N, C-alpha and C. Protein backbone atom coordinates (compact mmCIF):
# COMPACT_ATOMS: atom_id res chain seq x y z
N MET A 1 -2.78 24.99 12.71
CA MET A 1 -3.23 23.83 11.94
C MET A 1 -2.71 23.93 10.52
N LEU A 2 -2.11 22.87 10.02
CA LEU A 2 -1.57 22.86 8.67
C LEU A 2 -2.67 22.61 7.64
N HIS A 3 -2.52 23.25 6.49
CA HIS A 3 -3.48 23.02 5.41
C HIS A 3 -3.34 21.58 4.92
N PRO A 4 -4.44 20.90 4.61
CA PRO A 4 -4.37 19.50 4.21
C PRO A 4 -3.58 19.25 2.92
N ARG A 5 -3.35 20.27 2.11
CA ARG A 5 -2.56 20.07 0.89
C ARG A 5 -1.15 19.61 1.22
N LYS A 6 -0.71 19.90 2.44
CA LYS A 6 0.63 19.49 2.85
C LYS A 6 0.72 17.98 3.05
N ASP A 7 -0.43 17.31 3.12
CA ASP A 7 -0.45 15.86 3.22
C ASP A 7 -0.56 15.18 1.85
N LEU A 8 -0.68 16.00 0.79
CA LEU A 8 -0.71 15.40 -0.55
C LEU A 8 0.66 14.84 -0.88
N ASP A 9 0.68 13.73 -1.53
CA ASP A 9 1.93 13.05 -1.89
C ASP A 9 2.29 13.43 -3.33
N ALA A 10 3.40 14.10 -3.51
CA ALA A 10 3.82 14.57 -4.84
C ALA A 10 4.05 13.41 -5.80
N VAL A 11 4.45 12.27 -5.29
CA VAL A 11 4.67 11.10 -6.16
C VAL A 11 3.33 10.60 -6.70
N ILE A 12 2.33 10.55 -5.87
CA ILE A 12 1.01 10.03 -6.25
C ILE A 12 0.19 11.06 -7.02
N HIS A 13 0.40 12.31 -6.79
CA HIS A 13 -0.50 13.36 -7.26
C HIS A 13 -0.60 13.47 -8.79
N MET A 14 0.43 13.05 -9.51
CA MET A 14 0.38 13.12 -10.98
C MET A 14 -0.76 12.23 -11.48
N PRO A 15 -1.54 12.70 -12.47
CA PRO A 15 -2.74 11.96 -12.90
C PRO A 15 -2.52 10.49 -13.24
N VAL A 16 -1.48 10.14 -13.98
CA VAL A 16 -1.27 8.74 -14.34
C VAL A 16 -0.93 7.93 -13.10
N ARG A 17 -0.09 8.46 -12.24
CA ARG A 17 0.27 7.74 -11.02
C ARG A 17 -0.92 7.60 -10.09
N PHE A 18 -1.73 8.63 -10.02
CA PHE A 18 -2.95 8.58 -9.22
C PHE A 18 -3.85 7.45 -9.74
N SER A 19 -3.98 7.36 -11.05
CA SER A 19 -4.80 6.31 -11.67
C SER A 19 -4.24 4.93 -11.40
N ILE A 20 -2.92 4.78 -11.48
CA ILE A 20 -2.29 3.50 -11.18
C ILE A 20 -2.58 3.10 -9.73
N MET A 21 -2.34 4.01 -8.82
CA MET A 21 -2.56 3.72 -7.40
C MET A 21 -4.02 3.36 -7.14
N ALA A 22 -4.94 4.11 -7.72
CA ALA A 22 -6.37 3.84 -7.53
C ALA A 22 -6.73 2.45 -8.03
N ALA A 23 -6.22 2.09 -9.20
CA ALA A 23 -6.51 0.77 -9.75
C ALA A 23 -5.92 -0.34 -8.88
N LEU A 24 -4.72 -0.12 -8.38
CA LEU A 24 -4.06 -1.15 -7.57
C LEU A 24 -4.70 -1.34 -6.20
N THR A 25 -5.40 -0.32 -5.70
CA THR A 25 -6.06 -0.48 -4.40
C THR A 25 -7.21 -1.47 -4.48
N ALA A 26 -7.74 -1.68 -5.69
CA ALA A 26 -8.90 -2.54 -5.85
C ALA A 26 -8.54 -4.02 -6.02
N VAL A 27 -7.25 -4.33 -6.16
CA VAL A 27 -6.82 -5.70 -6.42
C VAL A 27 -5.63 -6.08 -5.53
N ASP A 28 -5.41 -7.36 -5.40
CA ASP A 28 -4.20 -7.81 -4.71
C ASP A 28 -3.00 -7.68 -5.65
N GLU A 29 -3.25 -8.00 -6.93
CA GLU A 29 -2.18 -8.00 -7.91
C GLU A 29 -2.81 -7.94 -9.29
N VAL A 30 -2.12 -7.30 -10.25
CA VAL A 30 -2.62 -7.23 -11.62
C VAL A 30 -1.42 -7.25 -12.57
N ASP A 31 -1.65 -7.79 -13.78
CA ASP A 31 -0.55 -7.81 -14.72
C ASP A 31 -0.42 -6.45 -15.41
N PHE A 32 0.80 -6.15 -15.83
CA PHE A 32 1.17 -4.87 -16.43
C PHE A 32 0.21 -4.48 -17.56
N LYS A 33 -0.01 -5.39 -18.50
CA LYS A 33 -0.82 -5.09 -19.69
C LYS A 33 -2.26 -4.73 -19.30
N THR A 34 -2.84 -5.50 -18.39
CA THR A 34 -4.21 -5.22 -17.95
C THR A 34 -4.30 -3.84 -17.29
N LEU A 35 -3.32 -3.51 -16.47
CA LEU A 35 -3.31 -2.21 -15.80
C LEU A 35 -3.18 -1.08 -16.82
N ALA A 36 -2.28 -1.24 -17.79
CA ALA A 36 -2.10 -0.21 -18.82
C ALA A 36 -3.39 -0.01 -19.62
N GLU A 37 -4.05 -1.10 -19.96
CA GLU A 37 -5.32 -1.00 -20.69
C GLU A 37 -6.41 -0.37 -19.83
N THR A 38 -6.44 -0.72 -18.57
CA THR A 38 -7.47 -0.19 -17.66
C THR A 38 -7.38 1.32 -17.53
N ILE A 39 -6.16 1.84 -17.40
CA ILE A 39 -6.03 3.29 -17.21
C ILE A 39 -5.74 4.02 -18.53
N GLU A 40 -5.75 3.25 -19.63
CA GLU A 40 -5.65 3.80 -20.97
C GLU A 40 -4.38 4.60 -21.23
N VAL A 41 -3.24 3.95 -20.98
CA VAL A 41 -1.94 4.55 -21.29
C VAL A 41 -1.09 3.54 -22.06
N SER A 42 -0.11 4.06 -22.78
CA SER A 42 0.81 3.19 -23.51
C SER A 42 1.74 2.47 -22.54
N ASP A 43 2.37 1.42 -23.03
CA ASP A 43 3.31 0.67 -22.21
C ASP A 43 4.47 1.55 -21.75
N SER A 44 4.95 2.44 -22.62
CA SER A 44 6.08 3.29 -22.25
C SER A 44 5.70 4.29 -21.16
N VAL A 45 4.50 4.85 -21.24
CA VAL A 45 4.03 5.77 -20.20
C VAL A 45 3.85 5.01 -18.89
N MET A 46 3.28 3.81 -18.99
CA MET A 46 3.08 2.99 -17.79
C MET A 46 4.42 2.68 -17.14
N SER A 47 5.40 2.28 -17.94
CA SER A 47 6.73 1.94 -17.41
C SER A 47 7.35 3.12 -16.67
N LYS A 48 7.28 4.28 -17.27
CA LYS A 48 7.88 5.48 -16.67
C LYS A 48 7.27 5.76 -15.29
N HIS A 49 5.96 5.72 -15.20
CA HIS A 49 5.30 6.05 -13.94
C HIS A 49 5.43 4.93 -12.91
N LEU A 50 5.45 3.68 -13.37
CA LEU A 50 5.67 2.58 -12.43
C LEU A 50 7.06 2.63 -11.84
N SER A 51 8.03 3.08 -12.62
CA SER A 51 9.40 3.23 -12.10
C SER A 51 9.42 4.20 -10.92
N ALA A 52 8.73 5.32 -11.06
CA ALA A 52 8.68 6.31 -9.99
C ALA A 52 7.98 5.75 -8.76
N LEU A 53 6.88 5.04 -8.96
CA LEU A 53 6.13 4.46 -7.84
C LEU A 53 6.92 3.35 -7.15
N THR A 54 7.65 2.58 -7.94
CA THR A 54 8.48 1.51 -7.39
C THR A 54 9.64 2.11 -6.60
N GLU A 55 10.27 3.13 -7.16
CA GLU A 55 11.38 3.81 -6.49
C GLU A 55 10.94 4.42 -5.16
N ALA A 56 9.70 4.91 -5.11
CA ALA A 56 9.17 5.48 -3.88
C ALA A 56 8.79 4.41 -2.86
N GLY A 57 8.80 3.15 -3.29
CA GLY A 57 8.45 2.06 -2.39
C GLY A 57 6.96 1.80 -2.30
N TYR A 58 6.19 2.31 -3.27
CA TYR A 58 4.74 2.18 -3.24
C TYR A 58 4.21 0.97 -4.02
N VAL A 59 4.97 0.54 -5.01
CA VAL A 59 4.55 -0.57 -5.87
C VAL A 59 5.66 -1.60 -5.93
N THR A 60 5.25 -2.87 -5.93
CA THR A 60 6.20 -3.96 -6.09
C THR A 60 5.90 -4.70 -7.38
N PRO A 61 6.88 -4.80 -8.28
CA PRO A 61 6.70 -5.64 -9.46
C PRO A 61 7.15 -7.07 -9.17
N ARG A 62 6.47 -8.02 -9.76
CA ARG A 62 6.86 -9.43 -9.64
C ARG A 62 6.93 -9.98 -11.06
N LYS A 63 8.11 -10.37 -11.49
CA LYS A 63 8.32 -10.85 -12.85
C LYS A 63 8.35 -12.37 -12.86
N MET A 64 7.70 -12.93 -13.89
CA MET A 64 7.67 -14.38 -14.04
C MET A 64 7.41 -14.72 -15.50
N PHE A 65 7.47 -15.97 -15.83
CA PHE A 65 7.15 -16.42 -17.18
C PHE A 65 5.84 -17.19 -17.14
N VAL A 66 5.02 -16.95 -18.16
CA VAL A 66 3.81 -17.73 -18.38
C VAL A 66 4.06 -18.43 -19.70
N GLY A 67 4.37 -19.70 -19.61
CA GLY A 67 4.85 -20.41 -20.80
C GLY A 67 6.20 -19.82 -21.17
N LYS A 68 6.32 -19.37 -22.41
CA LYS A 68 7.57 -18.76 -22.88
C LYS A 68 7.57 -17.24 -22.74
N PHE A 69 6.49 -16.68 -22.26
CA PHE A 69 6.33 -15.23 -22.27
C PHE A 69 6.55 -14.60 -20.90
N PRO A 70 7.34 -13.54 -20.86
CA PRO A 70 7.55 -12.85 -19.58
C PRO A 70 6.29 -12.05 -19.21
N ARG A 71 5.99 -12.03 -17.95
CA ARG A 71 4.87 -11.24 -17.44
C ARG A 71 5.32 -10.51 -16.20
N THR A 72 4.82 -9.30 -16.05
CA THR A 72 5.08 -8.53 -14.85
C THR A 72 3.76 -8.30 -14.14
N TYR A 73 3.73 -8.67 -12.88
CA TYR A 73 2.55 -8.45 -12.04
C TYR A 73 2.90 -7.36 -11.03
N LEU A 74 1.91 -6.55 -10.72
CA LEU A 74 2.13 -5.38 -9.86
C LEU A 74 1.17 -5.41 -8.68
N SER A 75 1.69 -4.94 -7.55
CA SER A 75 0.85 -4.82 -6.36
C SER A 75 1.35 -3.64 -5.53
N LEU A 76 0.45 -3.13 -4.69
CA LEU A 76 0.84 -2.07 -3.77
C LEU A 76 1.58 -2.66 -2.58
N THR A 77 2.54 -1.94 -2.08
CA THR A 77 3.21 -2.32 -0.84
C THR A 77 2.38 -1.77 0.33
N ALA A 78 2.74 -2.16 1.52
CA ALA A 78 2.07 -1.61 2.71
C ALA A 78 2.28 -0.10 2.76
N ALA A 79 3.48 0.36 2.42
CA ALA A 79 3.76 1.80 2.40
C ALA A 79 2.92 2.49 1.33
N GLY A 80 2.71 1.81 0.21
CA GLY A 80 1.89 2.37 -0.86
C GLY A 80 0.44 2.53 -0.44
N ARG A 81 -0.08 1.53 0.24
CA ARG A 81 -1.48 1.62 0.72
C ARG A 81 -1.63 2.74 1.75
N LYS A 82 -0.65 2.86 2.62
CA LYS A 82 -0.69 3.93 3.64
C LYS A 82 -0.61 5.31 2.97
N ALA A 83 0.30 5.46 2.02
CA ALA A 83 0.44 6.74 1.32
C ALA A 83 -0.83 7.08 0.55
N TRP A 84 -1.45 6.07 -0.07
CA TRP A 84 -2.69 6.29 -0.82
C TRP A 84 -3.80 6.78 0.11
N LYS A 85 -3.96 6.12 1.24
CA LYS A 85 -5.01 6.52 2.19
C LYS A 85 -4.80 7.95 2.68
N ARG A 86 -3.57 8.30 2.96
CA ARG A 86 -3.27 9.65 3.43
C ARG A 86 -3.55 10.68 2.33
N HIS A 87 -3.16 10.37 1.11
CA HIS A 87 -3.36 11.27 -0.02
C HIS A 87 -4.86 11.50 -0.26
N VAL A 88 -5.62 10.42 -0.30
CA VAL A 88 -7.06 10.53 -0.54
C VAL A 88 -7.75 11.28 0.60
N ALA A 89 -7.32 11.03 1.82
CA ALA A 89 -7.90 11.76 2.97
C ALA A 89 -7.63 13.26 2.83
N ALA A 90 -6.44 13.62 2.39
CA ALA A 90 -6.11 15.04 2.20
C ALA A 90 -6.99 15.64 1.10
N LEU A 91 -7.19 14.91 0.01
CA LEU A 91 -8.06 15.41 -1.07
C LEU A 91 -9.48 15.62 -0.57
N ARG A 92 -9.96 14.66 0.22
CA ARG A 92 -11.34 14.78 0.75
C ARG A 92 -11.45 15.99 1.69
N GLU A 93 -10.43 16.21 2.48
CA GLU A 93 -10.44 17.35 3.41
C GLU A 93 -10.42 18.66 2.63
N ILE A 94 -9.60 18.72 1.61
CA ILE A 94 -9.54 19.94 0.78
C ILE A 94 -10.87 20.15 0.08
N ALA A 95 -11.42 19.09 -0.50
CA ALA A 95 -12.69 19.21 -1.23
C ALA A 95 -13.84 19.59 -0.31
N GLY A 96 -13.73 19.22 0.97
CA GLY A 96 -14.78 19.55 1.93
C GLY A 96 -14.80 21.03 2.28
N GLY A 97 -13.75 21.75 1.93
CA GLY A 97 -13.68 23.19 2.20
C GLY A 97 -13.49 23.49 3.67
N LEU A 98 -13.78 24.72 4.00
CA LEU A 98 -13.62 25.18 5.37
C LEU A 98 -14.70 24.60 6.23
């Protein structure tokens, strides 16, 4: 039997990425600024971590204009939701001990 830590996702495991994923599981879609404020990180930190999550196929950005202003909306992909569930299940199994 493999230890559950082997089911942890290295992309998600970083604290900021974990926070992004957790916040996105609660919504269908959220705008970049609201998400950054919710998890209390700067725009540059948010951008860096969203790039990694997008590259992994876990997050989809949707860009549009609201009036004259550009807005980016973010949502989890199906692969992102699956990866999140697996990661959280592994954490729960590890936390449950032997």
